[in-house]
Amino acid sequence: MNNNQFINRFLALHYVFPVPLNKLQALLEFDPKLAELEEISPHLLSKLCKISLERSIKLQKMFREFVETPMLQMYEKHSITPILFSDPNYPKSLLDLYDPPTVIYVKGRLELLANSKKIAFIGSREATNYSAESIKAILPPLINEEYVIISGLAKGADTFAHQITMSLGGSTIAVLGTGLFHVYPKQNLKLANEMEKNQLLLTEYPPYITPQKWNFPMRNRIISGLSKGVVITEATKKSGTVSTMEHALENGKEIFAIPGSIHSPLSIGPHLLILEGAKPVWNGHQILEELNK
């Protein structure tokens, strides 16, 4: 089996079984080239992948259907580049995660992945103009130092981060919680279309995957995994932004929080993080100083 055949088999498996790498570890130890996947017993496959017998039978059936499909050509038609965990272009920082993405699917400027200087900006979907003005004030020194700005293409703070970065001539990566055929929220479709031409869209999900609420917390670990640090703009106490911060802390990332008004519920999240040790920031030079230590 040559390398292209292995890549095709691997992409076919991920298309029908899109799970993180840790859930494929036992299977890959048993069958590193996936050469026996059609032939092994459903009972053994069930045990190796820790799934039900019914699901393993269905998985094998779907794999047999897709394994003859030229997967790379299929993705190329849509300008999508799949990057396996073993590919030299795969970001090594993601392999430090407990559950690294098995494959990442990207669209746009692939060279942005190779830039080791990345920082995430995140916050509430209900973020106010205060987030926009804060991001606009903080970004210039980071962009001057060629940092790539990471966010999640959600409405609110994420949208501000992507749009303001582009308006300042910087580079930005959007990490999606869906497949590339199903941009979410739909109101950001125009932004996504612009980014795939001049920036980068990235997801761990095959293109057909639609928005599912449990996929977005999974996306957050990739946002923090790609980044040297994470900046939070505005968030309530129980914001989903907190899950990104938890991933960042688990992986030893620098945490920065923008202080806000004591009268705003959206300042509670950043203020609580500051109490827990996040560094308060109000300009980009402070962030650079911490990251360069």
Protein backbone atom coordinates (compact mmCIF):
# COMPACT_ATOMS: atom_id res chain seq x y z
CA MET A 1 0.00 0.00 0.00
CA ASN A 2 1.48 3.35 -1.03
CA ASN A 3 1.07 6.59 0.93
CA ASN A 4 -1.70 7.95 -1.30
CA GLN A 5 -3.72 4.78 -0.81
CA PHE A 6 -3.28 5.04 2.96
CA ILE A 7 -4.35 8.71 2.94
CA ASN A 8 -7.44 7.81 0.91
CA ARG A 9 -8.38 4.99 3.31
CA PHE A 10 -7.82 7.26 6.30
CA LEU A 11 -9.94 10.07 4.84
CA ALA A 12 -12.69 7.57 3.99
CA LEU A 13 -12.67 6.35 7.60
CA HIS A 14 -12.80 9.89 8.97
CA TYR A 15 -15.64 10.76 6.61
CA VAL A 16 -17.82 8.02 8.10
CA PHE A 17 -16.37 8.13 11.64
CA PRO A 18 -15.28 11.73 12.40
CA VAL A 19 -13.85 11.34 15.90
CA PRO A 20 -10.73 12.74 17.64
CA LEU A 21 -7.46 10.83 17.39
CA ASN A 22 -7.59 9.39 20.91
CA LYS A 23 -10.70 7.41 19.92
CA LEU A 24 -8.82 5.77 17.03
CA GLN A 25 -5.65 4.97 18.96
CA ALA A 26 -6.45 1.30 19.64
CA LEU A 27 -7.55 0.71 16.04
CA LEU A 28 -4.38 2.30 14.65
CA GLU A 29 -2.18 0.26 17.00
CA PHE A 30 -3.92 -2.90 15.78
CA ASP A 31 -4.00 -1.90 12.09
CA PRO A 32 -1.67 1.08 11.43
CA LYS A 33 -2.38 1.23 7.68
CA LEU A 34 -6.11 0.45 8.00
CA ALA A 35 -5.43 -2.43 5.62
CA GLU A 36 -7.76 -4.84 7.41
CA LEU A 37 -10.64 -2.54 8.26
CA GLU A 38 -13.10 -4.18 5.85
CA GLU A 39 -12.18 -7.69 7.02
CA ILE A 40 -11.88 -7.59 10.81
CA SER A 41 -14.87 -8.78 12.76
CA PRO A 42 -17.48 -6.22 13.82
CA HIS A 43 -17.03 -7.47 17.39
CA LEU A 44 -13.32 -6.63 17.33
CA LEU A 45 -13.96 -3.27 15.67
CA SER A 46 -16.53 -2.51 18.34
CA LYS A 47 -13.96 -3.25 21.03
CA LEU A 48 -11.14 -1.29 19.38
CA CYS A 49 -13.26 1.83 18.78
CA LYS A 50 -15.33 1.50 21.97
CA ILE A 51 -18.60 1.67 20.08
CA SER A 52 -21.67 -0.54 19.99
CA LEU A 53 -21.75 -3.63 17.79
CA GLU A 54 -24.57 -2.09 15.80
CA ARG A 55 -22.51 1.03 15.14
CA SER A 56 -19.41 -0.99 14.17
CA ILE A 57 -21.43 -2.95 11.59
CA LYS A 58 -22.75 0.30 10.15
CA LEU A 59 -19.25 1.86 10.19
CA GLN A 60 -17.78 -1.03 8.21
CA LYS A 61 -20.61 -0.91 5.69
CA MET A 62 -20.15 2.83 5.13
CA PHE A 63 -16.37 2.49 4.94
CA ARG A 64 -16.68 -0.13 2.19
CA GLU A 65 -18.89 2.28 0.27
CA PHE A 66 -16.52 5.24 0.57
CA VAL A 67 -13.08 3.63 0.43
CA GLU A 68 -13.17 3.46 -3.38
CA THR A 69 -14.00 7.17 -3.60
CA PRO A 70 -10.99 9.33 -4.56
CA MET A 71 -11.26 11.46 -1.43
CA LEU A 72 -8.46 13.94 -2.19
CA GLN A 73 -9.93 14.70 -5.63
CA MET A 74 -13.38 15.10 -4.09
CA TYR A 75 -12.09 17.69 -1.63
CA GLU A 76 -9.95 19.40 -4.25
CA LYS A 77 -13.07 20.14 -6.31
CA HIS A 78 -14.24 22.30 -3.39
CA SER A 79 -10.80 23.85 -2.71
CA ILE A 80 -10.66 21.99 0.62
CA THR A 81 -7.33 20.65 1.87
CA PRO A 82 -7.54 17.79 4.40
CA ILE A 83 -4.50 17.55 6.68
CA LEU A 84 -3.95 14.30 8.58
CA PHE A 85 -2.41 14.31 12.06
CA SER A 86 0.73 12.74 10.55
CA ASP A 87 1.11 15.41 7.84
CA PRO A 88 4.07 17.85 8.18
CA ASN A 89 1.56 20.73 7.74
CA TYR A 90 -0.48 19.61 10.76
CA PRO A 91 0.05 22.09 13.65
CA LYS A 92 2.22 20.31 16.20
CA SER A 93 0.63 22.25 19.08
CA LEU A 94 -2.64 20.38 18.46
CA LEU A 95 -0.90 17.06 19.15
CA ASP A 96 -0.40 18.26 22.75
CA LEU A 97 -4.16 18.05 23.28
CA TYR A 98 -5.64 15.04 25.06
CA ASP A 99 -7.92 14.53 22.06
CA PRO A 100 -6.24 16.00 18.96
CA PRO A 101 -8.25 16.37 15.77
CA THR A 102 -7.61 13.33 13.58
CA VAL A 103 -7.89 15.44 10.44
CA ILE A 104 -8.25 19.17 9.96
CA TYR A 105 -9.97 20.50 6.86
CA VAL A 106 -8.80 23.93 5.71
CA LYS A 107 -9.74 26.40 3.03
CA GLY A 108 -7.68 29.47 2.22
CA ARG A 109 -4.09 30.45 2.97
CA LEU A 110 -2.46 27.28 4.24
CA GLU A 111 0.75 29.16 5.13
CA LEU A 112 -1.03 30.78 8.10
CA LEU A 113 -0.86 27.42 9.89
CA ALA A 114 2.92 27.48 9.72
CA ASN A 115 3.14 30.79 11.59
CA SER A 116 3.94 29.90 15.20
CA LYS A 117 2.81 33.34 16.42
CA LYS A 118 -0.92 32.92 16.96
CA ILE A 119 -3.21 34.41 19.59
CA ALA A 120 -6.94 33.92 20.13
CA PHE A 121 -9.55 36.60 20.79
CA ILE A 122 -12.87 35.32 22.12
CA GLY A 123 -15.92 36.58 23.97
CA SER A 124 -19.67 36.62 24.19
CA ARG A 125 -21.96 36.23 21.20
CA GLU A 126 -23.76 39.25 22.72
CA ALA A 127 -20.57 41.30 22.86
CA THR A 128 -21.09 45.05 22.62
CA ASN A 129 -19.25 47.81 20.84
CA TYR A 130 -16.90 47.85 23.85
CA SER A 131 -15.43 44.55 22.58
CA ALA A 132 -15.03 45.97 19.08
CA GLU A 133 -13.30 49.13 20.33
CA SER A 134 -11.07 47.14 22.69
CA ILE A 135 -10.00 44.72 19.95
CA LYS A 136 -9.33 47.64 17.60
CA ALA A 137 -7.11 49.27 20.24
CA ILE A 138 -5.21 46.12 21.21
CA LEU A 139 -4.56 44.49 17.82
CA PRO A 140 -2.13 46.87 16.01
CA PRO A 141 1.07 45.92 17.91
CA LEU A 142 0.21 42.22 17.50
CA ILE A 143 -0.41 42.62 13.77
CA ASN A 144 2.83 44.59 13.44
CA GLU A 145 4.62 41.58 14.95
CA GLU A 146 2.82 39.33 12.41
CA TYR A 147 0.65 37.49 14.91
CA VAL A 148 -2.21 35.52 13.38
CA ILE A 149 -5.50 36.18 15.15
CA ILE A 150 -7.60 33.09 15.94
CA SER A 151 -11.32 33.07 16.69
CA GLY A 152 -14.42 30.96 16.12
CA LEU A 153 -16.57 32.80 13.51
CA ALA A 154 -19.44 33.09 16.03
CA LYS A 155 -21.43 36.29 16.13
CA GLY A 156 -20.32 38.97 18.58
CA ALA A 157 -16.71 39.05 19.75
CA ASP A 158 -15.48 36.44 17.23
CA THR A 159 -16.91 38.40 14.32
CA PHE A 160 -15.31 41.59 15.62
CA ALA A 161 -11.93 39.84 15.92
CA HIS A 162 -11.96 38.55 12.33
CA GLN A 163 -13.33 41.73 10.75
CA ILE A 164 -11.09 44.16 12.62
CA THR A 165 -7.99 42.04 11.94
CA MET A 166 -8.72 42.15 8.22
CA SER A 167 -9.49 45.87 8.29
CA LEU A 168 -6.05 46.46 9.84
CA GLY A 169 -4.31 44.35 7.21
CA GLY A 170 -3.67 41.40 9.52
CA SER A 171 -4.10 37.65 9.16
CA THR A 172 -6.81 35.61 10.86
CA ILE A 173 -7.98 31.99 11.15
CA ALA A 174 -11.59 31.01 11.84
CA VAL A 175 -12.07 27.67 13.62
CA LEU A 176 -15.51 26.31 12.78
CA GLY A 177 -17.70 23.95 14.79
CA THR A 178 -19.25 22.62 11.58
CA GLY A 179 -18.19 21.21 8.23
CA LEU A 180 -17.11 23.72 5.58
CA PHE A 181 -20.36 23.26 3.62
CA HIS A 182 -22.39 24.52 6.59
CA VAL A 183 -21.07 27.85 7.90
CA TYR A 184 -22.69 28.83 11.20
CA PRO A 185 -24.17 31.28 11.96
CA LYS A 186 -25.56 31.90 8.48
CA GLN A 187 -25.25 35.64 9.02
CA ASN A 188 -21.46 35.14 8.80
CA LEU A 189 -21.55 33.37 5.43
CA LYS A 190 -20.32 36.52 3.65
CA LEU A 191 -17.49 36.85 6.17
CA ALA A 192 -16.57 33.18 5.72
CA ASN A 193 -16.55 33.56 1.92
CA GLU A 194 -14.20 36.52 2.24
CA MET A 195 -11.94 34.65 4.66
CA GLU A 196 -11.59 31.57 2.48
CA LYS A 197 -10.13 33.79 -0.24
CA ASN A 198 -7.70 35.86 1.83
CA GLN A 199 -7.47 34.23 5.27
CA LEU A 200 -8.10 30.66 6.51
CA LEU A 201 -11.10 28.57 7.56
CA LEU A 202 -10.36 25.46 9.63
CA THR A 203 -12.46 22.65 11.07
CA GLU A 204 -12.00 19.11 12.33
CA TYR A 205 -15.31 18.03 10.78
CA PRO A 206 -15.89 16.63 7.27
CA PRO A 207 -17.70 19.14 5.04
CA TYR A 208 -21.17 17.62 5.39
CA ILE A 209 -21.37 18.04 9.20
CA THR A 210 -24.19 20.43 10.17
CA PRO A 211 -24.31 22.61 13.32
CA GLN A 212 -24.67 20.52 16.49
CA LYS A 213 -24.50 22.14 19.91
CA TRP A 214 -21.95 19.64 21.27
CA ASN A 215 -19.48 20.43 18.45
CA PHE A 216 -18.84 24.01 19.56
CA PRO A 217 -17.23 23.20 22.93
CA MET A 218 -15.04 20.72 21.01
CA ARG A 219 -14.04 23.51 18.62
CA ASN A 220 -12.88 25.61 21.57
CA ARG A 221 -10.00 23.26 22.38
CA ILE A 222 -8.65 23.81 18.85
CA ILE A 223 -8.85 27.60 19.24
CA SER A 224 -6.75 27.45 22.40
CA GLY A 225 -4.56 24.63 21.06
CA LEU A 226 -3.46 26.69 18.07
CA SER A 227 -2.70 29.78 20.16
CA LYS A 228 0.12 30.98 22.40
CA GLY A 229 -2.45 32.85 24.47
CA VAL A 230 -6.14 33.66 24.68
CA VAL A 231 -7.70 37.10 25.16
CA ILE A 232 -11.26 37.38 26.49
CA THR A 233 -13.17 40.58 25.73
CA GLU A 234 -16.65 40.33 27.29
CA ALA A 235 -18.47 37.35 28.79
CA THR A 236 -21.05 36.59 31.44
CA LYS A 237 -20.28 34.31 34.36
CA LYS A 238 -21.73 31.26 32.61
CA SER A 239 -20.59 32.07 29.08
CA GLY A 240 -19.48 29.33 26.70
CA THR A 241 -16.27 31.33 26.44
CA VAL A 242 -15.29 29.78 29.77
CA SER A 243 -14.79 26.36 28.12
CA THR A 244 -12.13 27.83 25.82
CA MET A 245 -10.39 29.29 28.85
CA GLU A 246 -10.51 25.90 30.59
CA HIS A 247 -8.83 24.27 27.59
CA ALA A 248 -6.25 27.07 27.51
CA LEU A 249 -5.43 26.61 31.21
CA GLU A 250 -5.15 22.82 30.81
CA ASN A 251 -2.61 23.33 28.04
CA GLY A 252 -0.52 25.99 29.76
CA LYS A 253 -1.57 28.92 27.58
CA GLU A 254 -1.35 32.55 28.67
CA ILE A 255 -4.76 33.96 29.65
CA PHE A 256 -5.54 37.65 29.18
CA ALA A 257 -8.73 39.48 30.12
CA ILE A 258 -9.93 42.95 29.19
CA PRO A 259 -11.36 44.77 32.24
CA GLY A 260 -14.76 46.36 31.77
CA SER A 261 -17.45 48.37 33.50
CA ILE A 262 -18.58 47.14 36.91
CA HIS A 263 -22.12 47.88 35.73
CA SER A 264 -22.01 45.45 32.79
CA PRO A 265 -22.93 41.74 33.20
CA LEU A 266 -20.53 41.09 30.31
CA SER A 267 -17.63 42.26 32.46
CA ILE A 268 -18.21 39.58 35.10
CA GLY A 269 -16.48 36.83 33.10
CA PRO A 270 -13.24 38.75 32.48
CA HIS A 271 -13.18 40.07 36.06
CA LEU A 272 -13.58 36.58 37.53
CA LEU A 273 -10.76 35.33 35.31
CA ILE A 274 -8.55 38.18 36.53
CA LEU A 275 -9.30 37.12 40.13
CA GLU A 276 -8.22 33.59 39.16
CA GLY A 277 -4.92 34.78 37.69
CA ALA A 278 -5.63 36.00 34.16
CA LYS A 279 -3.55 39.03 33.23
CA PRO A 280 -5.59 42.25 32.78
CA VAL A 281 -4.70 43.98 29.51
CA TRP A 282 -5.72 47.14 27.70
CA ASN A 283 -3.05 47.34 24.99
CA GLY A 284 -1.23 44.96 22.70
CA HIS A 285 2.23 45.79 24.04
CA GLN A 286 1.30 44.21 27.39
CA ILE A 287 0.41 40.97 25.60
CA LEU A 288 3.64 40.96 23.58
CA GLU A 289 5.67 41.55 26.73
CA GLU A 290 4.09 38.51 28.41
CA LEU A 291 4.40 36.27 25.35
CA ASN A 292 8.04 37.22 24.84
CA LYS A 293 9.11 36.39 28.41
